[in-house]
Amino acid sequence: MIKVGILSDTHIAKITEQFRKNCVSAFAGCDAIIHAGDLTDISILSTFAGKDVYGVCGNMCNPATRQLLPETKIICLNGYSIGICHGTGPRHNIEERLLRLLPGTDCIVYGHTHIPTCHKTGDTLFINPGSFQGTGNYGAPGTYGVLHINKDSLKGSIHELVR
């Protein structure tokens, strides 16, 4: 089994001690990390040294980060294809647009809306971990996702940060 920690919309320019503590707590035991964009600065990914890290840029990333990270990425873990994209535009049909952008993937991980969700539509598992820093609308708490990948199943879940 592979355990993947998923976060998005961190919106911080430098690593703080609280961010580091939250990451250690949330992603203990994870084999890999997916950051679905709006990390703001690529240095944030250094928090996950020693793990496989997959990231994409988002609309709030600085120019240097946009140069280094793609807008979309497809990875294969344990035989499953996982599409990663921050997302853009209005939220009302974002998953339809992502399906067109990342067709045939088993799982699509995205951010942008700050609304955590984990559900299956057709054959595709959608995971939006929400905003890790809790910068969601109206002071929503920080959230993240976890993806468990077995030989014959994908299972996702959403969790609230414990501070």
N, C-alpha and C. Protein backbone atom coordinates (compact mmCIF):
# COMPACT_ATOMS: atom_id res chain seq x y z
N MET A 1 0.84 -1.19 0.00
CA MET A 1 0.00 0.00 0.00
C MET A 1 0.88 1.25 0.00
N ILE A 2 0.42 2.27 -0.71
CA ILE A 2 1.07 3.57 -0.72
C ILE A 2 0.12 4.57 -0.07
N LYS A 3 0.65 5.35 0.85
CA LYS A 3 -0.13 6.39 1.52
C LYS A 3 0.38 7.74 1.04
N VAL A 4 -0.53 8.54 0.46
CA VAL A 4 -0.16 9.83 -0.12
C VAL A 4 -0.86 10.95 0.65
N GLY A 5 -0.09 11.90 1.14
CA GLY A 5 -0.64 13.09 1.77
C GLY A 5 -0.92 14.14 0.71
N ILE A 6 -2.05 14.83 0.82
CA ILE A 6 -2.45 15.80 -0.20
C ILE A 6 -2.77 17.13 0.46
N LEU A 7 -2.17 18.19 -0.07
CA LEU A 7 -2.48 19.53 0.41
C LEU A 7 -2.54 20.50 -0.75
N SER A 8 -3.13 21.64 -0.52
CA SER A 8 -3.26 22.68 -1.54
C SER A 8 -3.47 24.01 -0.84
N ASP A 9 -3.31 25.05 -1.62
CA ASP A 9 -3.65 26.41 -1.17
C ASP A 9 -3.02 26.76 0.17
N THR A 10 -1.71 26.53 0.27
CA THR A 10 -1.00 26.89 1.49
C THR A 10 -0.80 28.40 1.59
N HIS A 11 -0.62 29.07 0.47
CA HIS A 11 -0.55 30.54 0.43
C HIS A 11 0.46 31.13 1.42
N ILE A 12 1.64 30.53 1.51
CA ILE A 12 2.67 31.13 2.35
C ILE A 12 3.97 31.26 1.56
N ALA A 13 4.70 32.32 1.82
CA ALA A 13 5.93 32.60 1.08
C ALA A 13 7.16 31.99 1.74
N LYS A 14 7.07 31.67 3.02
CA LYS A 14 8.19 31.00 3.67
C LYS A 14 7.67 30.05 4.74
N ILE A 15 8.48 29.06 5.03
CA ILE A 15 8.09 28.02 5.98
C ILE A 15 8.13 28.58 7.40
N THR A 16 7.04 28.41 8.11
CA THR A 16 6.99 28.80 9.52
C THR A 16 7.08 27.55 10.39
N GLU A 17 7.39 27.73 11.64
CA GLU A 17 7.46 26.60 12.55
C GLU A 17 6.09 25.92 12.68
N GLN A 18 5.02 26.71 12.69
CA GLN A 18 3.67 26.14 12.78
C GLN A 18 3.35 25.31 11.54
N PHE A 19 3.72 25.81 10.37
CA PHE A 19 3.50 25.06 9.13
C PHE A 19 4.24 23.72 9.19
N ARG A 20 5.49 23.77 9.61
CA ARG A 20 6.30 22.55 9.70
C ARG A 20 5.65 21.55 10.68
N LYS A 21 5.21 22.02 11.84
CA LYS A 21 4.55 21.14 12.82
C LYS A 21 3.27 20.54 12.25
N ASN A 22 2.49 21.36 11.56
CA ASN A 22 1.24 20.86 10.96
C ASN A 22 1.53 19.78 9.93
N CYS A 23 2.59 19.96 9.14
CA CYS A 23 2.95 18.97 8.12
C CYS A 23 3.40 17.66 8.76
N VAL A 24 4.22 17.75 9.79
CA VAL A 24 4.68 16.54 10.49
C VAL A 24 3.49 15.78 11.06
N SER A 25 2.58 16.50 11.67
CA SER A 25 1.40 15.87 12.27
C SER A 25 0.48 15.26 11.21
N ALA A 26 0.21 16.01 10.17
CA ALA A 26 -0.75 15.56 9.15
C ALA A 26 -0.21 14.43 8.29
N PHE A 27 1.08 14.47 7.97
CA PHE A 27 1.60 13.56 6.95
C PHE A 27 2.56 12.51 7.48
N ALA A 28 2.52 12.26 8.78
CA ALA A 28 3.32 11.18 9.36
C ALA A 28 2.91 9.87 8.70
N GLY A 29 3.86 9.09 8.31
CA GLY A 29 3.56 7.80 7.70
C GLY A 29 3.23 7.85 6.23
N CYS A 30 3.22 9.04 5.63
CA CYS A 30 2.94 9.14 4.19
C CYS A 30 4.20 8.82 3.39
N ASP A 31 4.02 8.09 2.31
CA ASP A 31 5.13 7.74 1.42
C ASP A 31 5.41 8.84 0.41
N ALA A 32 4.38 9.59 0.08
CA ALA A 32 4.50 10.63 -0.95
C ALA A 32 3.58 11.78 -0.59
N ILE A 33 3.85 12.93 -1.21
CA ILE A 33 3.06 14.14 -0.99
C ILE A 33 2.66 14.71 -2.34
N ILE A 34 1.41 15.14 -2.45
CA ILE A 34 0.93 15.89 -3.61
C ILE A 34 0.52 17.27 -3.12
N HIS A 35 1.09 18.31 -3.76
CA HIS A 35 0.66 19.69 -3.49
C HIS A 35 -0.06 20.18 -4.73
N ALA A 36 -1.34 20.49 -4.60
CA ALA A 36 -2.18 20.85 -5.74
C ALA A 36 -2.20 22.35 -6.03
N GLY A 37 -1.12 23.03 -5.77
CA GLY A 37 -0.98 24.42 -6.20
C GLY A 37 -1.31 25.47 -5.17
N ASP A 38 -0.94 26.68 -5.54
CA ASP A 38 -1.00 27.86 -4.66
C ASP A 38 -0.16 27.66 -3.41
N LEU A 39 1.01 27.03 -3.63
CA LEU A 39 1.98 26.97 -2.55
C LEU A 39 2.66 28.32 -2.38
N THR A 40 2.55 29.19 -3.35
CA THR A 40 3.11 30.53 -3.44
C THR A 40 4.59 30.47 -3.77
N ASP A 41 5.42 29.83 -2.95
CA ASP A 41 6.85 29.74 -3.22
C ASP A 41 7.29 28.28 -3.15
N ILE A 42 8.09 27.87 -4.11
CA ILE A 42 8.49 26.46 -4.22
C ILE A 42 9.26 25.95 -3.01
N SER A 43 9.86 26.84 -2.24
CA SER A 43 10.62 26.41 -1.06
C SER A 43 9.75 25.63 -0.07
N ILE A 44 8.45 25.83 -0.14
CA ILE A 44 7.52 25.12 0.75
C ILE A 44 7.69 23.61 0.60
N LEU A 45 8.01 23.15 -0.61
CA LEU A 45 8.13 21.71 -0.85
C LEU A 45 9.31 21.09 -0.12
N SER A 46 10.29 21.90 0.31
CA SER A 46 11.44 21.36 1.04
C SER A 46 11.03 20.80 2.40
N THR A 47 9.86 21.16 2.87
CA THR A 47 9.32 20.62 4.13
C THR A 47 9.20 19.10 4.06
N PHE A 48 9.06 18.58 2.86
CA PHE A 48 8.78 17.16 2.67
C PHE A 48 10.01 16.37 2.20
N ALA A 49 11.20 16.86 2.54
CA ALA A 49 12.44 16.17 2.16
C ALA A 49 12.39 14.72 2.62
N GLY A 50 12.83 13.83 1.75
CA GLY A 50 12.82 12.41 2.07
C GLY A 50 11.59 11.67 1.57
N LYS A 51 10.59 12.42 1.09
CA LYS A 51 9.39 11.80 0.52
C LYS A 51 9.35 12.13 -0.97
N ASP A 52 8.66 11.31 -1.73
CA ASP A 52 8.39 11.66 -3.13
C ASP A 52 7.38 12.80 -3.12
N VAL A 53 7.69 13.89 -3.83
CA VAL A 53 6.83 15.07 -3.83
C VAL A 53 6.43 15.40 -5.26
N TYR A 54 5.13 15.59 -5.47
CA TYR A 54 4.59 15.96 -6.77
C TYR A 54 3.80 17.24 -6.60
N GLY A 55 4.10 18.24 -7.40
CA GLY A 55 3.40 19.51 -7.25
C GLY A 55 3.12 20.18 -8.58
N VAL A 56 2.12 21.04 -8.55
CA VAL A 56 1.78 21.89 -9.70
C VAL A 56 1.67 23.32 -9.20
N CYS A 57 1.78 24.26 -10.13
CA CYS A 57 1.62 25.66 -9.74
C CYS A 57 0.14 26.03 -9.72
N GLY A 58 -0.15 27.11 -9.04
CA GLY A 58 -1.51 27.63 -8.98
C GLY A 58 -1.50 29.09 -9.37
N ASN A 59 -2.67 29.69 -9.40
CA ASN A 59 -2.79 31.08 -9.84
C ASN A 59 -2.13 32.08 -8.90
N MET A 60 -1.83 31.70 -7.66
CA MET A 60 -1.21 32.62 -6.71
C MET A 60 0.29 32.36 -6.53
N CYS A 61 0.87 31.45 -7.31
CA CYS A 61 2.30 31.17 -7.19
C CYS A 61 3.12 32.31 -7.77
N ASN A 62 4.29 32.53 -7.18
CA ASN A 62 5.17 33.58 -7.69
C ASN A 62 5.76 33.16 -9.04
N PRO A 63 6.31 34.11 -9.81
CA PRO A 63 6.83 33.80 -11.15
C PRO A 63 7.89 32.70 -11.16
N ALA A 64 8.78 32.68 -10.18
CA ALA A 64 9.82 31.65 -10.15
C ALA A 64 9.21 30.26 -9.98
N THR A 65 8.21 30.15 -9.14
CA THR A 65 7.55 28.87 -8.92
C THR A 65 6.80 28.43 -10.18
N ARG A 66 6.18 29.37 -10.86
CA ARG A 66 5.48 29.05 -12.12
C ARG A 66 6.44 28.53 -13.18
N GLN A 67 7.68 29.00 -13.14
CA GLN A 67 8.70 28.52 -14.09
C GLN A 67 9.11 27.08 -13.78
N LEU A 68 9.08 26.71 -12.52
CA LEU A 68 9.59 25.41 -12.10
C LEU A 68 8.54 24.30 -12.03
N LEU A 69 7.29 24.66 -11.83
CA LEU A 69 6.24 23.64 -11.70
C LEU A 69 5.27 23.72 -12.87
N PRO A 70 4.81 22.57 -13.35
CA PRO A 70 3.83 22.58 -14.44
C PRO A 70 2.44 22.96 -13.94
N GLU A 71 1.55 23.29 -14.87
CA GLU A 71 0.15 23.56 -14.50
C GLU A 71 -0.63 22.27 -14.27
N THR A 72 -0.25 21.23 -14.99
CA THR A 72 -0.87 19.92 -14.81
C THR A 72 0.22 18.86 -14.79
N LYS A 73 -0.10 17.75 -14.18
CA LYS A 73 0.86 16.64 -14.10
C LYS A 73 0.05 15.36 -13.95
N ILE A 74 0.52 14.31 -14.59
CA ILE A 74 -0.08 12.99 -14.41
C ILE A 74 1.02 12.06 -13.90
N ILE A 75 0.75 11.42 -12.78
CA ILE A 75 1.70 10.47 -12.22
C ILE A 75 1.04 9.10 -12.16
N CYS A 76 1.86 8.08 -12.04
CA CYS A 76 1.35 6.72 -11.90
C CYS A 76 1.89 6.15 -10.59
N LEU A 77 0.99 5.75 -9.72
CA LEU A 77 1.37 5.14 -8.45
C LEU A 77 0.62 3.82 -8.29
N ASN A 78 1.37 2.76 -8.11
CA ASN A 78 0.78 1.43 -7.91
C ASN A 78 -0.17 1.03 -9.04
N GLY A 79 0.11 1.51 -10.25
CA GLY A 79 -0.71 1.18 -11.41
C GLY A 79 -1.89 2.09 -11.66
N TYR A 80 -2.09 3.09 -10.82
CA TYR A 80 -3.19 4.04 -10.99
C TYR A 80 -2.66 5.38 -11.51
N SER A 81 -3.40 5.97 -12.46
CA SER A 81 -3.02 7.29 -12.97
C SER A 81 -3.71 8.37 -12.14
N ILE A 82 -2.90 9.33 -11.70
CA ILE A 82 -3.40 10.41 -10.86
C ILE A 82 -3.08 11.72 -11.54
N GLY A 83 -4.13 12.45 -11.91
CA GLY A 83 -3.97 13.76 -12.52
C GLY A 83 -3.96 14.83 -11.44
N ILE A 84 -3.05 15.79 -11.59
CA ILE A 84 -2.93 16.87 -10.61
C ILE A 84 -3.04 18.19 -11.35
N CYS A 85 -3.91 19.06 -10.89
CA CYS A 85 -4.08 20.39 -11.47
C CYS A 85 -4.67 21.30 -10.40
N HIS A 86 -4.18 22.53 -10.31
CA HIS A 86 -4.73 23.43 -9.30
C HIS A 86 -6.19 23.74 -9.60
N GLY A 87 -6.49 24.03 -10.86
CA GLY A 87 -7.83 24.44 -11.26
C GLY A 87 -7.88 25.95 -11.44
N THR A 88 -8.80 26.38 -12.27
CA THR A 88 -8.98 27.81 -12.52
C THR A 88 -10.46 28.10 -12.74
N GLY A 89 -10.78 29.37 -12.73
CA GLY A 89 -12.13 29.78 -13.06
C GLY A 89 -13.14 29.51 -11.96
N PRO A 90 -14.42 29.61 -12.32
CA PRO A 90 -15.48 29.43 -11.32
C PRO A 90 -15.54 28.00 -10.81
N ARG A 91 -16.04 27.84 -9.61
CA ARG A 91 -16.06 26.50 -9.02
C ARG A 91 -17.23 25.65 -9.47
N HIS A 92 -18.29 26.25 -10.02
CA HIS A 92 -19.51 25.49 -10.27
C HIS A 92 -19.35 24.33 -11.25
N ASN A 93 -18.39 24.37 -12.16
CA ASN A 93 -18.20 23.23 -13.07
C ASN A 93 -16.73 22.83 -13.18
N ILE A 94 -15.99 23.06 -12.11
CA ILE A 94 -14.55 22.82 -12.15
C ILE A 94 -14.22 21.34 -12.41
N GLU A 95 -14.99 20.43 -11.86
CA GLU A 95 -14.68 19.01 -12.06
C GLU A 95 -14.93 18.57 -13.50
N GLU A 96 -15.95 19.11 -14.14
CA GLU A 96 -16.19 18.82 -15.56
C GLU A 96 -15.00 19.28 -16.40
N ARG A 97 -14.50 20.48 -16.11
CA ARG A 97 -13.35 21.01 -16.85
C ARG A 97 -12.09 20.18 -16.59
N LEU A 98 -11.92 19.73 -15.36
CA LEU A 98 -10.76 18.90 -15.04
C LEU A 98 -10.83 17.54 -15.74
N LEU A 99 -12.02 16.97 -15.86
CA LEU A 99 -12.17 15.70 -16.60
C LEU A 99 -11.77 15.86 -18.06
N ARG A 100 -12.10 17.00 -18.66
CA ARG A 100 -11.70 17.24 -20.05
C ARG A 100 -10.18 17.46 -20.16
N LEU A 101 -9.61 18.07 -19.14
CA LEU A 101 -8.18 18.36 -19.14
C LEU A 101 -7.33 17.12 -18.84
N LEU A 102 -7.85 16.23 -18.00
CA LEU A 102 -7.12 15.05 -17.55
C LEU A 102 -7.95 13.78 -17.80
N PRO A 103 -8.30 13.52 -19.08
CA PRO A 103 -9.19 12.39 -19.37
C PRO A 103 -8.54 11.04 -19.06
N GLY A 104 -9.36 10.12 -18.62
CA GLY A 104 -8.89 8.75 -18.42
C GLY A 104 -8.09 8.51 -17.15
N THR A 105 -7.95 9.52 -16.31
CA THR A 105 -7.20 9.30 -15.07
C THR A 105 -8.11 8.65 -14.02
N ASP A 106 -7.49 7.86 -13.16
CA ASP A 106 -8.25 7.18 -12.11
C ASP A 106 -8.62 8.13 -10.97
N CYS A 107 -7.79 9.14 -10.77
CA CYS A 107 -8.00 10.08 -9.67
C CYS A 107 -7.57 11.47 -10.14
N ILE A 108 -8.31 12.48 -9.77
CA ILE A 108 -7.93 13.87 -10.05
C ILE A 108 -7.83 14.60 -8.72
N VAL A 109 -6.65 15.16 -8.48
CA VAL A 109 -6.39 15.95 -7.28
C VAL A 109 -6.33 17.40 -7.71
N TYR A 110 -7.09 18.26 -7.04
CA TYR A 110 -7.11 19.68 -7.40
C TYR A 110 -7.30 20.54 -6.17
N GLY A 111 -7.19 21.84 -6.36
CA GLY A 111 -7.36 22.81 -5.28
C GLY A 111 -8.23 23.95 -5.76
N HIS A 112 -7.78 25.18 -5.51
CA HIS A 112 -8.36 26.42 -6.01
C HIS A 112 -9.62 26.88 -5.28
N THR A 113 -10.55 25.99 -5.01
CA THR A 113 -11.84 26.41 -4.44
C THR A 113 -11.80 26.58 -2.93
N HIS A 114 -10.80 26.00 -2.28
CA HIS A 114 -10.68 25.98 -0.81
C HIS A 114 -11.80 25.18 -0.15
N ILE A 115 -12.51 24.39 -0.94
CA ILE A 115 -13.61 23.58 -0.41
C ILE A 115 -13.20 22.11 -0.45
N PRO A 116 -12.98 21.49 0.72
CA PRO A 116 -12.55 20.10 0.72
C PRO A 116 -13.66 19.16 0.24
N THR A 117 -13.27 18.22 -0.60
CA THR A 117 -14.22 17.23 -1.09
C THR A 117 -13.46 15.97 -1.49
N CYS A 118 -14.12 14.84 -1.36
CA CYS A 118 -13.57 13.56 -1.78
C CYS A 118 -14.75 12.70 -2.19
N HIS A 119 -14.87 12.45 -3.49
CA HIS A 119 -15.99 11.64 -3.98
C HIS A 119 -15.64 11.06 -5.34
N LYS A 120 -16.42 10.10 -5.75
CA LYS A 120 -16.22 9.46 -7.04
C LYS A 120 -17.34 9.87 -7.99
N THR A 121 -16.95 10.24 -9.20
CA THR A 121 -17.90 10.51 -10.27
C THR A 121 -17.53 9.57 -11.41
N GLY A 122 -18.44 8.65 -11.74
CA GLY A 122 -18.10 7.64 -12.73
C GLY A 122 -16.94 6.80 -12.22
N ASP A 123 -15.89 6.69 -13.03
CA ASP A 123 -14.72 5.91 -12.64
C ASP A 123 -13.61 6.76 -12.03
N THR A 124 -13.86 8.05 -11.83
CA THR A 124 -12.81 8.96 -11.37
C THR A 124 -13.04 9.40 -9.93
N LEU A 125 -12.01 9.23 -9.12
CA LEU A 125 -12.03 9.72 -7.74
C LEU A 125 -11.52 11.16 -7.75
N PHE A 126 -12.30 12.09 -7.22
CA PHE A 126 -11.91 13.50 -7.11
C PHE A 126 -11.53 13.79 -5.66
N ILE A 127 -10.39 14.45 -5.49
CA ILE A 127 -9.98 14.89 -4.16
C ILE A 127 -9.53 16.34 -4.23
N ASN A 128 -10.21 17.19 -3.48
CA ASN A 128 -9.77 18.56 -3.25
C ASN A 128 -9.53 18.64 -1.74
N PRO A 129 -8.27 18.82 -1.33
CA PRO A 129 -7.99 18.80 0.11
C PRO A 129 -8.42 20.06 0.85
N GLY A 130 -8.94 21.05 0.14
CA GLY A 130 -9.28 22.32 0.77
C GLY A 130 -8.02 23.15 0.98
N SER A 131 -8.05 24.07 1.89
CA SER A 131 -6.91 24.94 2.16
C SER A 131 -6.18 24.48 3.42
N PHE A 132 -4.92 24.08 3.25
CA PHE A 132 -4.14 23.56 4.37
C PHE A 132 -3.97 24.59 5.48
N GLN A 133 -3.82 25.83 5.11
CA GLN A 133 -3.60 26.89 6.10
C GLN A 133 -4.90 27.41 6.71
N GLY A 134 -6.02 26.94 6.22
CA GLY A 134 -7.27 27.44 6.76
C GLY A 134 -7.64 28.80 6.22
N THR A 135 -7.20 29.09 5.01
CA THR A 135 -7.51 30.39 4.41
C THR A 135 -8.79 30.34 3.60
N GLY A 136 -9.59 29.33 3.86
CA GLY A 136 -10.86 29.20 3.14
C GLY A 136 -11.82 30.32 3.50
N ASN A 137 -12.92 30.34 2.82
CA ASN A 137 -13.93 31.39 3.05
C ASN A 137 -14.37 31.40 4.50
N TYR A 138 -14.46 32.60 5.06
CA TYR A 138 -15.02 32.81 6.39
C TYR A 138 -14.25 32.08 7.49
N GLY A 139 -12.93 32.01 7.34
CA GLY A 139 -12.10 31.42 8.39
C GLY A 139 -12.25 29.92 8.54
N ALA A 140 -12.49 29.22 7.45
CA ALA A 140 -12.62 27.77 7.50
C ALA A 140 -11.33 27.16 8.07
N PRO A 141 -11.44 26.05 8.79
CA PRO A 141 -10.25 25.43 9.37
C PRO A 141 -9.35 24.83 8.29
N GLY A 142 -8.10 24.61 8.62
CA GLY A 142 -7.18 23.97 7.69
C GLY A 142 -7.56 22.52 7.47
N THR A 143 -7.48 22.07 6.22
CA THR A 143 -7.83 20.70 5.88
C THR A 143 -6.79 20.12 4.93
N TYR A 144 -6.77 18.79 4.85
CA TYR A 144 -5.86 18.09 3.95
C TYR A 144 -6.50 16.76 3.57
N GLY A 145 -5.90 16.10 2.60
CA GLY A 145 -6.41 14.81 2.16
C GLY A 145 -5.37 13.71 2.33
N VAL A 146 -5.85 12.49 2.35
CA VAL A 146 -4.99 11.31 2.35
C VAL A 146 -5.55 10.34 1.32
N LEU A 147 -4.66 9.81 0.49
CA LEU A 147 -5.04 8.84 -0.53
C LEU A 147 -4.32 7.53 -0.21
N HIS A 148 -5.09 6.46 -0.05
CA HIS A 148 -4.54 5.12 0.18
C HIS A 148 -4.65 4.36 -1.14
N ILE A 149 -3.51 3.91 -1.64
CA ILE A 149 -3.48 3.21 -2.92
C ILE A 149 -3.04 1.78 -2.68
N ASN A 150 -3.97 0.86 -2.84
CA ASN A 150 -3.68 -0.56 -2.77
C ASN A 150 -3.58 -1.10 -4.19
N LYS A 151 -3.21 -2.34 -4.30
CA LYS A 151 -3.09 -2.96 -5.61
C LYS A 151 -4.41 -2.92 -6.37
N ASP A 152 -5.52 -3.02 -5.64
CA ASP A 152 -6.82 -3.09 -6.32
C ASP A 152 -7.82 -2.03 -5.85
N SER A 153 -7.35 -0.96 -5.20
CA SER A 153 -8.29 0.09 -4.80
C SER A 153 -7.60 1.42 -4.51
N LEU A 154 -8.38 2.47 -4.73
CA LEU A 154 -8.01 3.84 -4.37
C LEU A 154 -9.03 4.32 -3.35
N LYS A 155 -8.57 4.82 -2.22
CA LYS A 155 -9.50 5.36 -1.22
C LYS A 155 -8.96 6.68 -0.72
N GLY A 156 -9.80 7.69 -0.75
CA GLY A 156 -9.40 9.01 -0.28
C GLY A 156 -10.19 9.43 0.94
N SER A 157 -9.63 10.37 1.68
CA SER A 157 -10.32 10.92 2.85
C SER A 157 -9.85 12.35 3.09
N ILE A 158 -10.70 13.12 3.75
CA ILE A 158 -10.41 14.52 4.10
C ILE A 158 -10.30 14.60 5.62
N HIS A 159 -9.33 15.40 6.08
CA HIS A 159 -9.09 15.55 7.52
C HIS A 159 -8.93 17.02 7.87
N GLU A 160 -9.31 17.35 9.09
CA GLU A 160 -9.13 18.71 9.60
C GLU A 160 -7.84 18.75 10.42
N LEU A 161 -7.07 19.82 10.23
CA LEU A 161 -5.85 19.98 11.02
C LEU A 161 -6.18 20.10 12.49
N VAL A 162 -5.40 19.43 13.31
CA VAL A 162 -5.52 19.56 14.75
C VAL A 162 -4.42 20.51 15.18
N ARG A 163 -4.79 21.64 15.77
CA ARG A 163 -3.78 22.64 16.15
C ARG A 163 -3.57 22.65 17.64
